[in-house]
Amino acid sequence: MALAQQDLQQIGEYVKDHISEWIAEQSLGKPPVVYEIELRERMVRVEEELKHQRELMREGFDQINKRFEQVDKRLDLMKADMDKRFEQVDKRFDEMIKRHDKHFMWLVGFMATGVGLVITAIRYL
């Protein structure tokens, strides 16, 4: 049995008029308005939770930034302390070099004197 075009149009109109009711019946028997309100409430709760999560993330990032600032301060203090220690080590090396220079001059002096004495002793023998 073939349907006429007019019959198909009537069926289409009937389906358009009642499809929202059928869908609402399938979704736990809630009417479309109640279902829509529930969806809006859920969206509001989700938005509030997202806002809360965003605030928590900002607080976490602020704490991380504070921690990095503390670490930077500690590193600066350690660098200053290391610079002081290196200056002390440099001063000690300078003192040691001066001492070694004096010892070297004394040694050269003794060697020159010794060589001079040996040469003088060889000439008079």
N, C-alpha and C. Protein backbone atom coordinates (compact mmCIF):
# COMPACT_ATOMS: atom_id res chain seq x y z
N MET A 1 0.84 -1.16 0.00
CA MET A 1 0.00 0.00 0.00
C MET A 1 0.89 1.23 0.00
N ALA A 2 0.75 2.01 -1.01
CA ALA A 2 1.55 3.21 -1.17
C ALA A 2 0.83 4.38 -0.52
N LEU A 3 1.62 5.23 0.10
CA LEU A 3 1.04 6.41 0.76
C LEU A 3 1.11 7.60 -0.18
N ALA A 4 0.11 8.41 -0.09
CA ALA A 4 0.07 9.60 -0.93
C ALA A 4 0.93 10.68 -0.28
N GLN A 5 1.29 11.68 -1.07
CA GLN A 5 2.12 12.78 -0.58
C GLN A 5 1.45 13.49 0.58
N GLN A 6 0.16 13.64 0.53
CA GLN A 6 -0.58 14.32 1.60
C GLN A 6 -0.51 13.52 2.89
N ASP A 7 -0.57 12.21 2.78
CA ASP A 7 -0.47 11.36 3.96
C ASP A 7 0.92 11.49 4.61
N LEU A 8 1.94 11.53 3.77
CA LEU A 8 3.30 11.69 4.29
C LEU A 8 3.47 13.02 5.00
N GLN A 9 2.86 14.06 4.47
CA GLN A 9 2.94 15.38 5.11
C GLN A 9 2.23 15.37 6.45
N GLN A 10 1.10 14.72 6.55
CA GLN A 10 0.37 14.64 7.81
C GLN A 10 1.18 13.86 8.85
N ILE A 11 1.79 12.78 8.39
CA ILE A 11 2.63 12.01 9.31
C ILE A 11 3.81 12.85 9.79
N GLY A 12 4.44 13.59 8.88
CA GLY A 12 5.55 14.46 9.24
C GLY A 12 5.14 15.51 10.25
N GLU A 13 3.99 16.13 10.07
CA GLU A 13 3.49 17.14 11.01
C GLU A 13 3.22 16.51 12.37
N TYR A 14 2.64 15.33 12.37
CA TYR A 14 2.34 14.64 13.62
C TYR A 14 3.63 14.33 14.37
N VAL A 15 4.65 13.84 13.64
CA VAL A 15 5.93 13.52 14.29
C VAL A 15 6.57 14.78 14.85
N LYS A 16 6.55 15.90 14.08
CA LYS A 16 7.13 17.16 14.56
C LYS A 16 6.44 17.64 15.82
N ASP A 17 5.13 17.50 15.87
CA ASP A 17 4.37 17.98 17.03
C ASP A 17 4.63 17.15 18.28
N HIS A 18 4.92 15.88 18.11
CA HIS A 18 4.99 15.00 19.28
C HIS A 18 6.39 14.47 19.61
N ILE A 19 7.38 14.78 18.78
CA ILE A 19 8.72 14.20 19.01
C ILE A 19 9.32 14.64 20.35
N SER A 20 9.10 15.91 20.75
CA SER A 20 9.66 16.37 22.02
C SER A 20 9.03 15.62 23.19
N GLU A 21 7.76 15.33 23.11
CA GLU A 21 7.10 14.55 24.17
C GLU A 21 7.68 13.15 24.24
N TRP A 22 7.90 12.53 23.08
CA TRP A 22 8.42 11.17 23.06
C TRP A 22 9.83 11.11 23.65
N ILE A 23 10.63 12.12 23.29
CA ILE A 23 12.00 12.15 23.84
C ILE A 23 11.95 12.35 25.35
N ALA A 24 11.05 13.23 25.81
CA ALA A 24 10.93 13.47 27.25
C ALA A 24 10.47 12.21 27.97
N GLU A 25 9.58 11.45 27.37
CA GLU A 25 9.12 10.20 27.97
C GLU A 25 10.27 9.19 28.06
N GLN A 26 11.13 9.18 27.08
CA GLN A 26 12.25 8.26 27.09
C GLN A 26 13.29 8.65 28.14
N SER A 27 13.38 9.94 28.47
CA SER A 27 14.36 10.39 29.47
C SER A 27 13.72 10.44 30.84
N LEU A 28 13.42 9.30 31.40
CA LEU A 28 12.90 9.11 32.75
C LEU A 28 11.57 9.83 32.97
N GLY A 29 10.83 10.05 31.97
CA GLY A 29 9.49 10.61 32.10
C GLY A 29 9.44 12.06 32.53
N LYS A 30 10.50 12.80 32.34
CA LYS A 30 10.50 14.21 32.73
C LYS A 30 10.01 15.03 31.55
N PRO A 31 9.20 16.01 31.80
CA PRO A 31 8.77 16.89 30.71
C PRO A 31 9.94 17.76 30.25
N PRO A 32 9.92 18.27 29.04
CA PRO A 32 11.04 19.03 28.49
C PRO A 32 11.43 20.24 29.33
N VAL A 33 10.46 20.93 29.92
CA VAL A 33 10.77 22.14 30.69
C VAL A 33 11.57 21.77 31.94
N VAL A 34 11.16 20.71 32.62
CA VAL A 34 11.86 20.28 33.84
C VAL A 34 13.26 19.81 33.48
N TYR A 35 13.38 19.09 32.38
CA TYR A 35 14.68 18.60 31.94
C TYR A 35 15.60 19.77 31.59
N GLU A 36 15.05 20.78 30.94
CA GLU A 36 15.83 21.97 30.57
C GLU A 36 16.30 22.72 31.82
N ILE A 37 15.43 22.84 32.80
CA ILE A 37 15.80 23.53 34.05
C ILE A 37 16.92 22.75 34.75
N GLU A 38 16.77 21.42 34.76
CA GLU A 38 17.80 20.60 35.39
C GLU A 38 19.14 20.76 34.67
N LEU A 39 19.10 20.82 33.35
CA LEU A 39 20.33 21.02 32.59
C LEU A 39 20.95 22.37 32.91
N ARG A 40 20.13 23.39 33.02
CA ARG A 40 20.66 24.72 33.36
C ARG A 40 21.29 24.71 34.74
N GLU A 41 20.64 24.05 35.69
CA GLU A 41 21.20 23.97 37.04
C GLU A 41 22.55 23.24 37.02
N ARG A 42 22.62 22.18 36.26
CA ARG A 42 23.88 21.46 36.14
C ARG A 42 24.96 22.34 35.52
N MET A 43 24.59 23.10 34.49
CA MET A 43 25.56 23.99 33.86
C MET A 43 26.06 25.03 34.84
N VAL A 44 25.16 25.56 35.65
CA VAL A 44 25.55 26.56 36.64
C VAL A 44 26.52 25.94 37.65
N ARG A 45 26.21 24.72 38.10
CA ARG A 45 27.11 24.05 39.05
C ARG A 45 28.47 23.78 38.42
N VAL A 46 28.47 23.36 37.16
CA VAL A 46 29.74 23.12 36.47
C VAL A 46 30.53 24.41 36.34
N GLU A 47 29.86 25.50 35.98
CA GLU A 47 30.55 26.78 35.86
C GLU A 47 31.12 27.23 37.19
N GLU A 48 30.35 27.04 38.27
CA GLU A 48 30.85 27.41 39.60
C GLU A 48 32.07 26.56 39.98
N GLU A 49 32.00 25.28 39.67
CA GLU A 49 33.14 24.40 39.98
C GLU A 49 34.36 24.79 39.16
N LEU A 50 34.15 25.14 37.90
CA LEU A 50 35.27 25.59 37.07
C LEU A 50 35.89 26.87 37.63
N LYS A 51 35.02 27.77 38.08
CA LYS A 51 35.52 29.02 38.68
C LYS A 51 36.34 28.70 39.94
N HIS A 52 35.83 27.78 40.75
CA HIS A 52 36.55 27.40 41.97
C HIS A 52 37.89 26.76 41.61
N GLN A 53 37.90 25.89 40.61
CA GLN A 53 39.14 25.27 40.17
C GLN A 53 40.13 26.31 39.67
N ARG A 54 39.65 27.30 38.93
CA ARG A 54 40.51 28.37 38.43
C ARG A 54 41.14 29.14 39.58
N GLU A 55 40.33 29.42 40.62
CA GLU A 55 40.85 30.13 41.79
C GLU A 55 41.92 29.29 42.50
N LEU A 56 41.65 27.98 42.62
CA LEU A 56 42.64 27.10 43.25
C LEU A 56 43.94 27.07 42.45
N MET A 57 43.82 27.04 41.13
CA MET A 57 45.02 27.05 40.30
C MET A 57 45.79 28.35 40.46
N ARG A 58 45.07 29.47 40.52
CA ARG A 58 45.77 30.75 40.73
C ARG A 58 46.50 30.77 42.06
N GLU A 59 45.83 30.27 43.10
CA GLU A 59 46.48 30.21 44.41
C GLU A 59 47.73 29.32 44.35
N GLY A 60 47.60 28.20 43.67
CA GLY A 60 48.76 27.31 43.53
C GLY A 60 49.90 27.97 42.78
N PHE A 61 49.58 28.68 41.70
CA PHE A 61 50.62 29.38 40.95
C PHE A 61 51.25 30.49 41.79
N ASP A 62 50.43 31.17 42.58
CA ASP A 62 50.98 32.21 43.46
C ASP A 62 51.95 31.60 44.47
N GLN A 63 51.59 30.45 45.03
CA GLN A 63 52.47 29.78 45.99
C GLN A 63 53.76 29.33 45.31
N ILE A 64 53.63 28.84 44.09
CA ILE A 64 54.83 28.42 43.35
C ILE A 64 55.73 29.62 43.09
N ASN A 65 55.13 30.76 42.70
CA ASN A 65 55.92 31.97 42.46
C ASN A 65 56.64 32.42 43.72
N LYS A 66 55.93 32.36 44.86
CA LYS A 66 56.57 32.74 46.13
C LYS A 66 57.75 31.81 46.44
N ARG A 67 57.55 30.54 46.18
CA ARG A 67 58.61 29.57 46.44
C ARG A 67 59.82 29.84 45.55
N PHE A 68 59.57 30.16 44.28
CA PHE A 68 60.67 30.50 43.38
C PHE A 68 61.41 31.74 43.85
N GLU A 69 60.66 32.73 44.36
CA GLU A 69 61.30 33.94 44.87
C GLU A 69 62.19 33.59 46.07
N GLN A 70 61.71 32.70 46.94
CA GLN A 70 62.52 32.29 48.09
C GLN A 70 63.79 31.58 47.63
N VAL A 71 63.63 30.71 46.65
CA VAL A 71 64.80 29.99 46.13
C VAL A 71 65.78 30.97 45.50
N ASP A 72 65.26 31.97 44.76
CA ASP A 72 66.14 32.97 44.17
C ASP A 72 66.92 33.73 45.24
N LYS A 73 66.23 34.09 46.33
CA LYS A 73 66.91 34.80 47.41
C LYS A 73 68.01 33.93 48.02
N ARG A 74 67.69 32.64 48.25
CA ARG A 74 68.70 31.75 48.82
C ARG A 74 69.89 31.60 47.88
N LEU A 75 69.62 31.49 46.59
CA LEU A 75 70.72 31.37 45.63
C LEU A 75 71.58 32.64 45.62
N ASP A 76 70.93 33.80 45.72
CA ASP A 76 71.69 35.06 45.76
C ASP A 76 72.58 35.10 47.00
N LEU A 77 72.03 34.68 48.15
CA LEU A 77 72.83 34.65 49.37
C LEU A 77 73.99 33.67 49.24
N MET A 78 73.73 32.52 48.69
CA MET A 78 74.80 31.53 48.51
C MET A 78 75.87 32.07 47.56
N LYS A 79 75.45 32.76 46.51
CA LYS A 79 76.42 33.33 45.56
C LYS A 79 77.28 34.38 46.24
N ALA A 80 76.65 35.24 47.04
CA ALA A 80 77.42 36.26 47.75
C ALA A 80 78.41 35.61 48.71
N ASP A 81 77.98 34.57 49.41
CA ASP A 81 78.87 33.87 50.33
C ASP A 81 80.02 33.20 49.58
N MET A 82 79.73 32.59 48.45
CA MET A 82 80.78 31.97 47.65
C MET A 82 81.76 33.01 47.13
N ASP A 83 81.26 34.16 46.71
CA ASP A 83 82.15 35.22 46.24
C ASP A 83 83.11 35.65 47.35
N LYS A 84 82.59 35.80 48.59
CA LYS A 84 83.45 36.17 49.71
C LYS A 84 84.52 35.11 49.95
N ARG A 85 84.11 33.86 49.89
CA ARG A 85 85.08 32.78 50.13
C ARG A 85 86.14 32.74 49.04
N PHE A 86 85.73 32.95 47.79
CA PHE A 86 86.71 32.96 46.71
C PHE A 86 87.68 34.13 46.86
N GLU A 87 87.18 35.27 47.34
CA GLU A 87 88.07 36.40 47.59
C GLU A 87 89.09 36.04 48.67
N GLN A 88 88.64 35.35 49.72
CA GLN A 88 89.56 34.93 50.77
C GLN A 88 90.61 33.97 50.22
N VAL A 89 90.17 33.04 49.38
CA VAL A 89 91.12 32.08 48.79
C VAL A 89 92.11 32.82 47.90
N ASP A 90 91.63 33.79 47.12
CA ASP A 90 92.53 34.58 46.27
C ASP A 90 93.57 35.32 47.12
N LYS A 91 93.14 35.90 48.25
CA LYS A 91 94.08 36.60 49.13
C LYS A 91 95.14 35.64 49.66
N ARG A 92 94.72 34.45 50.04
CA ARG A 92 95.67 33.47 50.56
C ARG A 92 96.67 33.07 49.49
N PHE A 93 96.17 32.87 48.26
CA PHE A 93 97.10 32.53 47.18
C PHE A 93 98.08 33.67 46.93
N ASP A 94 97.59 34.91 46.97
CA ASP A 94 98.50 36.04 46.79
C ASP A 94 99.56 36.07 47.88
N GLU A 95 99.15 35.81 49.13
CA GLU A 95 100.10 35.78 50.23
C GLU A 95 101.13 34.66 50.03
N MET A 96 100.62 33.48 49.60
CA MET A 96 101.54 32.36 49.36
C MET A 96 102.52 32.68 48.23
N ILE A 97 102.05 33.32 47.19
CA ILE A 97 102.93 33.68 46.08
C ILE A 97 104.01 34.66 46.55
N LYS A 98 103.60 35.64 47.36
CA LYS A 98 104.58 36.59 47.88
C LYS A 98 105.62 35.87 48.74
N ARG A 99 105.15 34.94 49.59
CA ARG A 99 106.07 34.19 50.43
C ARG A 99 107.03 33.34 49.59
N HIS A 100 106.46 32.70 48.56
CA HIS A 100 107.32 31.88 47.70
C HIS A 100 108.33 32.74 46.93
N ASP A 101 107.88 33.93 46.54
CA ASP A 101 108.82 34.83 45.86
C ASP A 101 109.98 35.18 46.79
N LYS A 102 109.68 35.48 48.05
CA LYS A 102 110.74 35.80 49.02
C LYS A 102 111.67 34.60 49.20
N HIS A 103 111.08 33.42 49.33
CA HIS A 103 111.91 32.22 49.50
C HIS A 103 112.78 31.98 48.27
N PHE A 104 112.20 32.21 47.10
CA PHE A 104 112.96 32.02 45.87
C PHE A 104 114.13 32.99 45.81
N MET A 105 113.88 34.24 46.19
CA MET A 105 114.97 35.23 46.18
C MET A 105 116.07 34.83 47.16
N TRP A 106 115.68 34.36 48.34
CA TRP A 106 116.67 33.88 49.31
C TRP A 106 117.46 32.70 48.73
N LEU A 107 116.75 31.80 48.08
CA LEU A 107 117.41 30.63 47.49
C LEU A 107 118.39 31.05 46.40
N VAL A 108 117.95 31.97 45.53
CA VAL A 108 118.85 32.45 44.47
C VAL A 108 120.06 33.15 45.10
N GLY A 109 119.79 33.91 46.14
CA GLY A 109 120.90 34.58 46.84
C GLY A 109 121.89 33.58 47.42
N PHE A 110 121.37 32.55 48.09
CA PHE A 110 122.26 31.52 48.64
C PHE A 110 123.02 30.79 47.56
N MET A 111 122.33 30.50 46.46
CA MET A 111 123.01 29.80 45.36
C MET A 111 124.10 30.68 44.76
N ALA A 112 123.80 31.94 44.55
CA ALA A 112 124.81 32.86 43.98
C ALA A 112 125.99 32.97 44.93
N THR A 113 125.70 33.10 46.22
CA THR A 113 126.77 33.19 47.20
C THR A 113 127.59 31.90 47.20
N GLY A 114 126.92 30.77 47.18
CA GLY A 114 127.62 29.49 47.17
C GLY A 114 128.48 29.34 45.93
N VAL A 115 127.94 29.70 44.77
CA VAL A 115 128.71 29.61 43.53
C VAL A 115 129.90 30.57 43.61
N GLY A 116 129.66 31.75 44.12
CA GLY A 116 130.77 32.71 44.26
C GLY A 116 131.85 32.19 45.17
N LEU A 117 131.46 31.58 46.29
CA LEU A 117 132.44 31.02 47.21
C LEU A 117 133.21 29.86 46.58
N VAL A 118 132.50 29.03 45.82
CA VAL A 118 133.17 27.90 45.16
C VAL A 118 134.15 28.42 44.13
N ILE A 119 133.78 29.41 43.35
CA ILE A 119 134.67 29.96 42.34
C ILE A 119 135.89 30.61 43.00
N THR A 120 135.66 31.33 44.08
CA THR A 120 136.76 31.96 44.79
C THR A 120 137.69 30.91 45.39
N ALA A 121 137.10 29.86 45.91
CA ALA A 121 137.92 28.78 46.51
C ALA A 121 138.73 28.09 45.44
N ILE A 122 138.19 27.88 44.27
CA ILE A 122 138.91 27.22 43.18
C ILE A 122 140.06 28.10 42.69
N ARG A 123 139.91 29.39 42.65
CA ARG A 123 140.95 30.30 42.17
C ARG A 123 142.14 30.33 43.12
N TYR A 124 141.87 30.27 44.40
CA TYR A 124 142.96 30.37 45.37
C TYR A 124 143.56 29.02 45.74
N LEU A 125 143.12 28.00 45.21
CA LEU A 125 143.70 26.69 45.53
C LEU A 125 144.74 26.28 44.57
